């Protein structure tokens, strides 16, 4: 029992850290909505700063560790919960007490993780180890790579589906993280739920609007 609680706390802490990262990453990506000439130079300068800043590099290692810890813990807890649930032949009536996305956190997380691997390969790996042309300021043109990727409708759709999965994952995960950490009280229960819903909607809308804007306008 103690081990399960510790793992739930770790998953909650890593989840909240990843939520913080989502906000920071989105704020940086919103530069893609600027006028093309300005967006290219500003986004590439921003990417170069992140790539060469030692503090950002340290935070990135914490980010990678958090993703792995969150994923491993979620798999462990899901397997343990299934073993403890008893016979698979018992009729599942959990839909009467919980939302479908709360019961499908593992599936949603798997979709997000698979997307993350592909996303890192297409952008991060290419930026770090591939050959990209330089912009007018001499920085690697990550902006051009992003724009070219989002001019393919299939990738826009794939990206959007993954972000929707992330949004549903956040709908349950944000509130669940606070409960796992013992920060639950009837007085502010509804407030935390409302903040979680608004956060999930803002993150989903913010990330989804970028590929569609690029696809339709550039």
C-alpha atoms as a PDB file:
ATOM      1  CA  UNK A   1       0.000   0.000   0.000  1.00  0.00           C
ATOM      2  CA  UNK A   2       2.799   2.413   0.954  1.00  0.00           C
ATOM      3  CA  UNK A   3       4.598   1.686  -2.318  1.00  0.00           C
ATOM      4  CA  UNK A   4       1.419   2.406  -4.317  1.00  0.00           C
ATOM      5  CA  UNK A   5       0.886   5.712  -2.502  1.00  0.00           C
ATOM      6  CA  UNK A   6       4.501   6.728  -3.131  1.00  0.00           C
ATOM      7  CA  UNK A   7       4.140   5.910  -6.809  1.00  0.00           C
ATOM      8  CA  UNK A   8       0.871   7.858  -7.040  1.00  0.00           C
ATOM      9  CA  UNK A   9       2.557  10.852  -5.431  1.00  0.00           C
ATOM     10  CA  UNK A  10       5.470  10.604  -7.864  1.00  0.00           C
ATOM     11  CA  UNK A  11       3.075  10.371 -10.805  1.00  0.00           C
ATOM     12  CA  UNK A  12       1.155  13.397  -9.476  1.00  0.00           C
ATOM     13  CA  UNK A  13       4.323  15.488  -9.054  1.00  0.00           C
ATOM     14  CA  UNK A  14       5.727  14.567 -12.461  1.00  0.00           C
ATOM     15  CA  UNK A  15       2.306  15.183 -14.005  1.00  0.00           C
ATOM     16  CA  UNK A  16       2.079  18.682 -12.535  1.00  0.00           C
ATOM     17  CA  UNK A  17       5.627  19.427 -13.688  1.00  0.00           C
ATOM     18  CA  UNK A  18       4.656  18.325 -17.200  1.00  0.00           C
ATOM     19  CA  UNK A  19       1.616  20.613 -16.991  1.00  0.00           C
ATOM     20  CA  UNK A  20       3.977  23.499 -16.226  1.00  0.00           C
ATOM     21  CA  UNK A  21       6.112  22.518 -19.212  1.00  0.00           C
ATOM     22  CA  UNK A  22       3.034  22.465 -21.460  1.00  0.00           C
ATOM     23  CA  UNK A  23       2.322  26.087 -20.559  1.00  0.00           C
ATOM     24  CA  UNK A  24       5.898  27.239 -21.210  1.00  0.00           C
ATOM     25  CA  UNK A  25       6.132  25.287 -24.452  1.00  0.00           C
ATOM     26  CA  UNK A  26       2.815  26.685 -25.655  1.00  0.00           C
ATOM     27  CA  UNK A  27       3.876  30.269 -24.925  1.00  0.00           C
ATOM     28  CA  UNK A  28       6.956  29.724 -27.058  1.00  0.00           C
ATOM     29  CA  UNK A  29       4.996  28.089 -29.874  1.00  0.00           C
ATOM     30  CA  UNK A  30       2.475  30.929 -30.015  1.00  0.00           C
ATOM     31  CA  UNK A  31       5.208  32.948 -31.734  1.00  0.00           C
ATOM     32  CA  UNK A  32       4.353  30.851 -34.798  1.00  0.00           C
ATOM     33  CA  UNK A  33       1.140  32.877 -35.108  1.00  0.00           C
ATOM     34  CA  UNK A  34       3.036  36.116 -35.777  1.00  0.00           C
ATOM     35  CA  UNK A  35       3.504  37.530 -39.267  1.00  0.00           C
ATOM     36  CA  UNK A  36       5.687  35.041 -41.215  1.00  0.00           C
ATOM     37  CA  UNK A  37       8.839  37.186 -41.497  1.00  0.00           C
ATOM     38  CA  UNK A  38       8.763  38.150 -37.847  1.00  0.00           C
ATOM     39  CA  UNK A  39       7.736  34.687 -36.713  1.00  0.00           C
ATOM     40  CA  UNK A  40      10.643  33.053 -38.521  1.00  0.00           C
ATOM     41  CA  UNK A  41      13.360  35.223 -36.989  1.00  0.00           C
ATOM     42  CA  UNK A  42      11.826  35.353 -33.517  1.00  0.00           C
ATOM     43  CA  UNK A  43      10.999  31.647 -33.287  1.00  0.00           C
ATOM     44  CA  UNK A  44      14.441  30.616 -34.540  1.00  0.00           C
ATOM     45  CA  UNK A  45      16.128  32.992 -32.097  1.00  0.00           C
ATOM     46  CA  UNK A  46      14.001  31.551 -29.286  1.00  0.00           C
ATOM     47  CA  UNK A  47      14.920  27.979 -30.335  1.00  0.00           C
ATOM     48  CA  UNK A  48      18.621  28.855 -30.476  1.00  0.00           C
ATOM     49  CA  UNK A  49      18.426  30.345 -26.977  1.00  0.00           C
ATOM     50  CA  UNK A  50      16.811  27.193 -25.588  1.00  0.00           C
ATOM     51  CA  UNK A  51      19.341  24.973 -27.328  1.00  0.00           C
ATOM     52  CA  UNK A  52      22.407  26.783 -25.969  1.00  0.00           C
ATOM     53  CA  UNK A  53      21.290  27.802 -22.469  1.00  0.00           C
ATOM     54  CA  UNK A  54      22.835  25.583 -19.780  1.00  0.00           C
ATOM     55  CA  UNK A  55      19.945  26.133 -17.347  1.00  0.00           C
ATOM     56  CA  UNK A  56      17.426  25.098 -20.002  1.00  0.00           C
ATOM     57  CA  UNK A  57      19.499  21.999 -20.736  1.00  0.00           C
ATOM     58  CA  UNK A  58      19.377  20.984 -17.061  1.00  0.00           C
ATOM     59  CA  UNK A  59      15.608  21.533 -16.985  1.00  0.00           C
ATOM     60  CA  UNK A  60      15.277  19.467 -20.161  1.00  0.00           C
ATOM     61  CA  UNK A  61      16.953  16.506 -18.420  1.00  0.00           C
ATOM     62  CA  UNK A  62      14.445  16.855 -15.574  1.00  0.00           C
ATOM     63  CA  UNK A  63      11.702  16.935 -18.212  1.00  0.00           C
ATOM     64  CA  UNK A  64      12.886  13.711 -19.879  1.00  0.00           C
ATOM     65  CA  UNK A  65      13.179  12.006 -16.487  1.00  0.00           C
ATOM     66  CA  UNK A  66       9.672  13.186 -15.565  1.00  0.00           C
ATOM     67  CA  UNK A  67       8.205  11.805 -18.798  1.00  0.00           C
ATOM     68  CA  UNK A  68       9.824   8.412 -18.220  1.00  0.00           C
ATOM     69  CA  UNK A  69       8.869   8.301 -14.526  1.00  0.00           C
ATOM     70  CA  UNK A  70       5.292   9.347 -15.278  1.00  0.00           C
ATOM     71  CA  UNK A  71       4.976   6.719 -18.015  1.00  0.00           C
ATOM     72  CA  UNK A  72       6.535   3.877 -16.012  1.00  0.00           C
ATOM     73  CA  UNK A  73       4.453   4.669 -12.932  1.00  0.00           C
ATOM     74  CA  UNK A  74       1.234   4.825 -14.931  1.00  0.00           C
ATOM     75  CA  UNK A  75       1.937   1.396 -16.449  1.00  0.00           C
ATOM     76  CA  UNK A  76       2.788  -0.078 -13.047  1.00  0.00           C
ATOM     77  CA  UNK A  77      -0.299   1.330 -11.325  1.00  0.00           C
ATOM     78  CA  UNK A  78      -2.584   0.288 -14.187  1.00  0.00           C
ATOM     79  CA  UNK A  79      -1.321  -3.311 -14.084  1.00  0.00           C
ATOM     80  CA  UNK A  80      -1.611  -3.398 -10.311  1.00  0.00           C
ATOM     81  CA  UNK A  81      -5.157  -1.998 -10.423  1.00  0.00           C
ATOM     82  CA  UNK A  82      -6.220  -4.641 -12.965  1.00  0.00           C
ATOM     83  CA  UNK A  83      -4.792  -7.427 -10.813  1.00  0.00           C
ATOM     84  CA  UNK A  84      -6.627  -6.081  -7.777  1.00  0.00           C
ATOM     85  CA  UNK A  85      -9.953  -5.654  -9.605  1.00  0.00           C
ATOM     86  CA  UNK A  86     -10.725  -9.369  -9.576  1.00  0.00           C
ATOM     87  CA  UNK A  87     -12.468 -11.400 -12.224  1.00  0.00           C
ATOM     88  CA  UNK A  88     -12.691  -9.837 -15.698  1.00  0.00           C
ATOM     89  CA  UNK A  89     -16.108 -11.477 -16.091  1.00  0.00           C
ATOM     90  CA  UNK A  90     -17.718  -9.149 -13.559  1.00  0.00           C
ATOM     91  CA  UNK A  91     -19.795  -6.552 -15.366  1.00  0.00           C
ATOM     92  CA  UNK A  92     -18.050  -3.181 -15.439  1.00  0.00           C
ATOM     93  CA  UNK A  93     -20.349  -0.589 -13.898  1.00  0.00           C
ATOM     94  CA  UNK A  94     -17.746   2.159 -13.345  1.00  0.00           C
ATOM     95  CA  UNK A  95     -19.343   4.287 -16.047  1.00  0.00           C
ATOM     96  CA  UNK A  96     -22.059   5.119 -13.545  1.00  0.00           C
ATOM     97  CA  UNK A  97     -19.527   6.818 -11.277  1.00  0.00           C
ATOM     98  CA  UNK A  98     -16.792   8.120 -13.566  1.00  0.00           C
ATOM     99  CA  UNK A  99     -16.266   9.734 -16.954  1.00  0.00           C
ATOM    100  CA  UNK A 100     -15.051   7.601 -19.846  1.00  0.00           C
ATOM    101  CA  UNK A 101     -11.766   9.510 -20.074  1.00  0.00           C
ATOM    102  CA  UNK A 102     -11.076   8.820 -16.396  1.00  0.00           C
ATOM    103  CA  UNK A 103     -11.313   5.095 -17.190  1.00  0.00           C
ATOM    104  CA  UNK A 104      -9.139   5.397 -20.301  1.00  0.00           C
ATOM    105  CA  UNK A 105      -6.178   7.310 -18.893  1.00  0.00           C
ATOM    106  CA  UNK A 106      -3.758   4.570 -19.940  1.00  0.00           C
ATOM    107  CA  UNK A 107      -5.012   4.583 -23.535  1.00  0.00           C
ATOM    108  CA  UNK A 108      -4.924   8.376 -23.730  1.00  0.00           C
ATOM    109  CA  UNK A 109      -1.462   8.435 -22.199  1.00  0.00           C
ATOM    110  CA  UNK A 110      -0.240   5.851 -24.702  1.00  0.00           C
ATOM    111  CA  UNK A 111      -1.484   7.986 -27.605  1.00  0.00           C
ATOM    112  CA  UNK A 112       0.251  11.045 -26.164  1.00  0.00           C
ATOM    113  CA  UNK A 113       3.498   9.147 -25.542  1.00  0.00           C
ATOM    114  CA  UNK A 114       3.541   7.727 -29.080  1.00  0.00           C
ATOM    115  CA  UNK A 115       2.925  11.203 -30.459  1.00  0.00           C
ATOM    116  CA  UNK A 116       5.697  12.613 -28.291  1.00  0.00           C
ATOM    117  CA  UNK A 117       8.221  10.121 -29.656  1.00  0.00           C
ATOM    118  CA  UNK A 118       7.277  10.989 -33.251  1.00  0.00           C
ATOM    119  CA  UNK A 119       7.193  14.710 -32.469  1.00  0.00           C
ATOM    120  CA  UNK A 120      10.660  14.655 -30.903  1.00  0.00           C
ATOM    121  CA  UNK A 121      12.036  12.681 -33.824  1.00  0.00           C
ATOM    122  CA  UNK A 122      10.567  15.092 -36.402  1.00  0.00           C
ATOM    123  CA  UNK A 123      11.579  18.327 -34.694  1.00  0.00           C
ATOM    124  CA  UNK A 124      13.981  18.002 -31.751  1.00  0.00           C
ATOM    125  CA  UNK A 125      16.184  15.294 -33.290  1.00  0.00           C
ATOM    126  CA  UNK A 126      16.263  16.995 -36.694  1.00  0.00           C
ATOM    127  CA  UNK A 127      17.062  20.352 -35.097  1.00  0.00           C
ATOM    128  CA  UNK A 128      19.853  18.962 -32.908  1.00  0.00           C
ATOM    129  CA  UNK A 129      21.457  16.480 -35.279  1.00  0.00           C
ATOM    130  CA  UNK A 130      20.080  17.193 -38.753  1.00  0.00           C
ATOM    131  CA  UNK A 131      21.087  19.769 -41.338  1.00  0.00           C
ATOM    132  CA  UNK A 132      18.795  22.777 -41.533  1.00  0.00           C
ATOM    133  CA  UNK A 133      19.212  25.966 -43.578  1.00  0.00           C
ATOM    134  CA  UNK A 134      19.958  29.187 -41.701  1.00  0.00           C
ATOM    135  CA  UNK A 135      17.672  32.206 -41.503  1.00  0.00           C
ATOM    136  CA  UNK A 136      18.727  35.832 -42.083  1.00  0.00           C
ATOM    137  CA  UNK A 137      20.264  35.967 -38.601  1.00  0.00           C
ATOM    138  CA  UNK A 138      22.257  32.764 -39.051  1.00  0.00           C
ATOM    139  CA  UNK A 139      20.098  30.626 -36.763  1.00  0.00           C
ATOM    140  CA  UNK A 140      18.850  27.169 -37.751  1.00  0.00           C
ATOM    141  CA  UNK A 141      15.505  27.544 -39.496  1.00  0.00           C
ATOM    142  CA  UNK A 142      13.322  25.429 -37.222  1.00  0.00           C
ATOM    143  CA  UNK A 143      10.417  27.680 -38.190  1.00  0.00           C
ATOM    144  CA  UNK A 144      10.664  26.494 -41.795  1.00  0.00           C
ATOM    145  CA  UNK A 145      10.673  22.860 -40.669  1.00  0.00           C
ATOM    146  CA  UNK A 146       7.552  23.400 -38.559  1.00  0.00           C
ATOM    147  CA  UNK A 147       5.718  25.221 -41.356  1.00  0.00           C
ATOM    148  CA  UNK A 148       6.575  22.534 -43.897  1.00  0.00           C
ATOM    149  CA  UNK A 149       5.347  19.801 -41.542  1.00  0.00           C
ATOM    150  CA  UNK A 150       2.036  21.544 -40.882  1.00  0.00           C
ATOM    151  CA  UNK A 151       1.372  22.028 -44.576  1.00  0.00           C
ATOM    152  CA  UNK A 152       0.607  18.307 -44.768  1.00  0.00           C
ATOM    153  CA  UNK A 153      -3.033  17.731 -43.815  1.00  0.00           C
ATOM    154  CA  UNK A 154      -2.384  14.229 -42.483  1.00  0.00           C
ATOM    155  CA  UNK A 155       0.133  15.566 -39.970  1.00  0.00           C
ATOM    156  CA  UNK A 156      -2.226  18.356 -38.908  1.00  0.00           C
ATOM    157  CA  UNK A 157      -4.927  15.756 -38.252  1.00  0.00           C
ATOM    158  CA  UNK A 158      -2.527  13.405 -36.467  1.00  0.00           C
ATOM    159  CA  UNK A 159      -1.218  16.274 -34.327  1.00  0.00           C
ATOM    160  CA  UNK A 160      -4.742  17.420 -33.469  1.00  0.00           C
ATOM    161  CA  UNK A 161      -5.900  13.927 -32.463  1.00  0.00           C
ATOM    162  CA  UNK A 162      -2.900  13.601 -30.165  1.00  0.00           C
ATOM    163  CA  UNK A 163      -3.599  16.991 -28.581  1.00  0.00           C
ATOM    164  CA  UNK A 164      -7.265  16.051 -28.059  1.00  0.00           C
ATOM    165  CA  UNK A 165      -6.079  12.887 -26.310  1.00  0.00           C
ATOM    166  CA  UNK A 166      -3.812  15.073 -24.182  1.00  0.00           C
ATOM    167  CA  UNK A 167      -6.728  17.367 -23.357  1.00  0.00           C
ATOM    168  CA  UNK A 168      -8.897  14.496 -22.119  1.00  0.00           C
ATOM    169  CA  UNK A 169      -5.911  13.133 -20.198  1.00  0.00           C
ATOM    170  CA  UNK A 170      -5.571  16.504 -18.475  1.00  0.00           C
ATOM    171  CA  UNK A 171      -9.287  16.700 -17.669  1.00  0.00           C
ATOM    172  CA  UNK A 172      -8.894  13.852 -15.214  1.00  0.00           C
ATOM    173  CA  UNK A 173      -5.165  14.017 -14.509  1.00  0.00           C
ATOM    174  CA  UNK A 174      -5.005  17.604 -13.243  1.00  0.00           C
ATOM    175  CA  UNK A 175      -7.643  17.082 -10.542  1.00  0.00           C
ATOM    176  CA  UNK A 176      -6.415  13.564  -9.767  1.00  0.00           C
ATOM    177  CA  UNK A 177      -2.889  14.871  -9.107  1.00  0.00           C
ATOM    178  CA  UNK A 178      -4.144  17.171  -6.348  1.00  0.00           C
ATOM    179  CA  UNK A 179      -6.087  14.343  -4.741  1.00  0.00           C
ATOM    180  CA  UNK A 180      -3.079  12.018  -4.880  1.00  0.00           C
ATOM    181  CA  UNK A 181      -1.003  14.627  -3.053  1.00  0.00           C
ATOM    182  CA  UNK A 182      -3.644  14.922  -0.341  1.00  0.00           C
ATOM    183  CA  UNK A 183      -4.640  18.438  -1.384  1.00  0.00           C
ATOM    184  CA  UNK A 184      -8.331  17.584  -1.373  1.00  0.00           C
ATOM    185  CA  UNK A 185     -10.987  19.407   0.612  1.00  0.00           C
ATOM    186  CA  UNK A 186     -14.734  19.790  -0.070  1.00  0.00           C
ATOM    187  CA  UNK A 187     -14.385  23.565   0.278  1.00  0.00           C
ATOM    188  CA  UNK A 188     -12.209  24.007  -2.813  1.00  0.00           C
ATOM    189  CA  UNK A 189     -12.975  20.717  -4.575  1.00  0.00           C
ATOM    190  CA  UNK A 190     -15.155  22.380  -7.228  1.00  0.00           C
ATOM    191  CA  UNK A 191     -12.620  25.189  -7.696  1.00  0.00           C
ATOM    192  CA  UNK A 192      -9.797  22.738  -8.429  1.00  0.00           C
ATOM    193  CA  UNK A 193     -12.053  20.847 -10.856  1.00  0.00           C
ATOM    194  CA  UNK A 194     -12.996  24.089 -12.614  1.00  0.00           C
ATOM    195  CA  UNK A 195      -9.354  25.169 -12.899  1.00  0.00           C
ATOM    196  CA  UNK A 196      -8.511  21.738 -14.291  1.00  0.00           C
ATOM    197  CA  UNK A 197     -11.234  21.980 -16.937  1.00  0.00           C
ATOM    198  CA  UNK A 198     -10.169  25.494 -17.956  1.00  0.00           C
ATOM    199  CA  UNK A 199      -6.527  24.421 -18.065  1.00  0.00           C
ATOM    200  CA  UNK A 200      -7.312  21.403 -20.264  1.00  0.00           C
ATOM    201  CA  UNK A 201      -9.430  23.507 -22.633  1.00  0.00           C
ATOM    202  CA  UNK A 202      -6.816  26.282 -22.856  1.00  0.00           C
ATOM    203  CA  UNK A 203      -3.959  23.854 -23.536  1.00  0.00           C
ATOM    204  CA  UNK A 204      -5.968  21.922 -26.132  1.00  0.00           C
ATOM    205  CA  UNK A 205      -7.186  25.027 -27.959  1.00  0.00           C
ATOM    206  CA  UNK A 206      -3.783  26.714 -27.799  1.00  0.00           C
ATOM    207  CA  UNK A 207      -1.901  23.802 -29.319  1.00  0.00           C
ATOM    208  CA  UNK A 208      -4.537  22.849 -31.911  1.00  0.00           C
ATOM    209  CA  UNK A 209      -4.932  26.353 -33.329  1.00  0.00           C
ATOM    210  CA  UNK A 210      -1.262  26.510 -34.398  1.00  0.00           C
ATOM    211  CA  UNK A 211      -1.200  23.704 -37.015  1.00  0.00           C
ATOM    212  CA  UNK A 212      -4.556  24.761 -38.476  1.00  0.00           C
ATOM    213  CA  UNK A 213      -3.433  28.387 -38.695  1.00  0.00           C
ATOM    214  CA  UNK A 214      -0.261  27.378 -40.516  1.00  0.00           C
ATOM    215  CA  UNK A 215      -2.074  24.936 -42.816  1.00  0.00           C
ATOM    216  CA  UNK A 216      -4.752  27.447 -43.793  1.00  0.00           C
ATOM    217  CA  UNK A 217      -2.635  30.598 -44.025  1.00  0.00           C
ATOM    218  CA  UNK A 218       0.934  29.710 -45.012  1.00  0.00           C
END
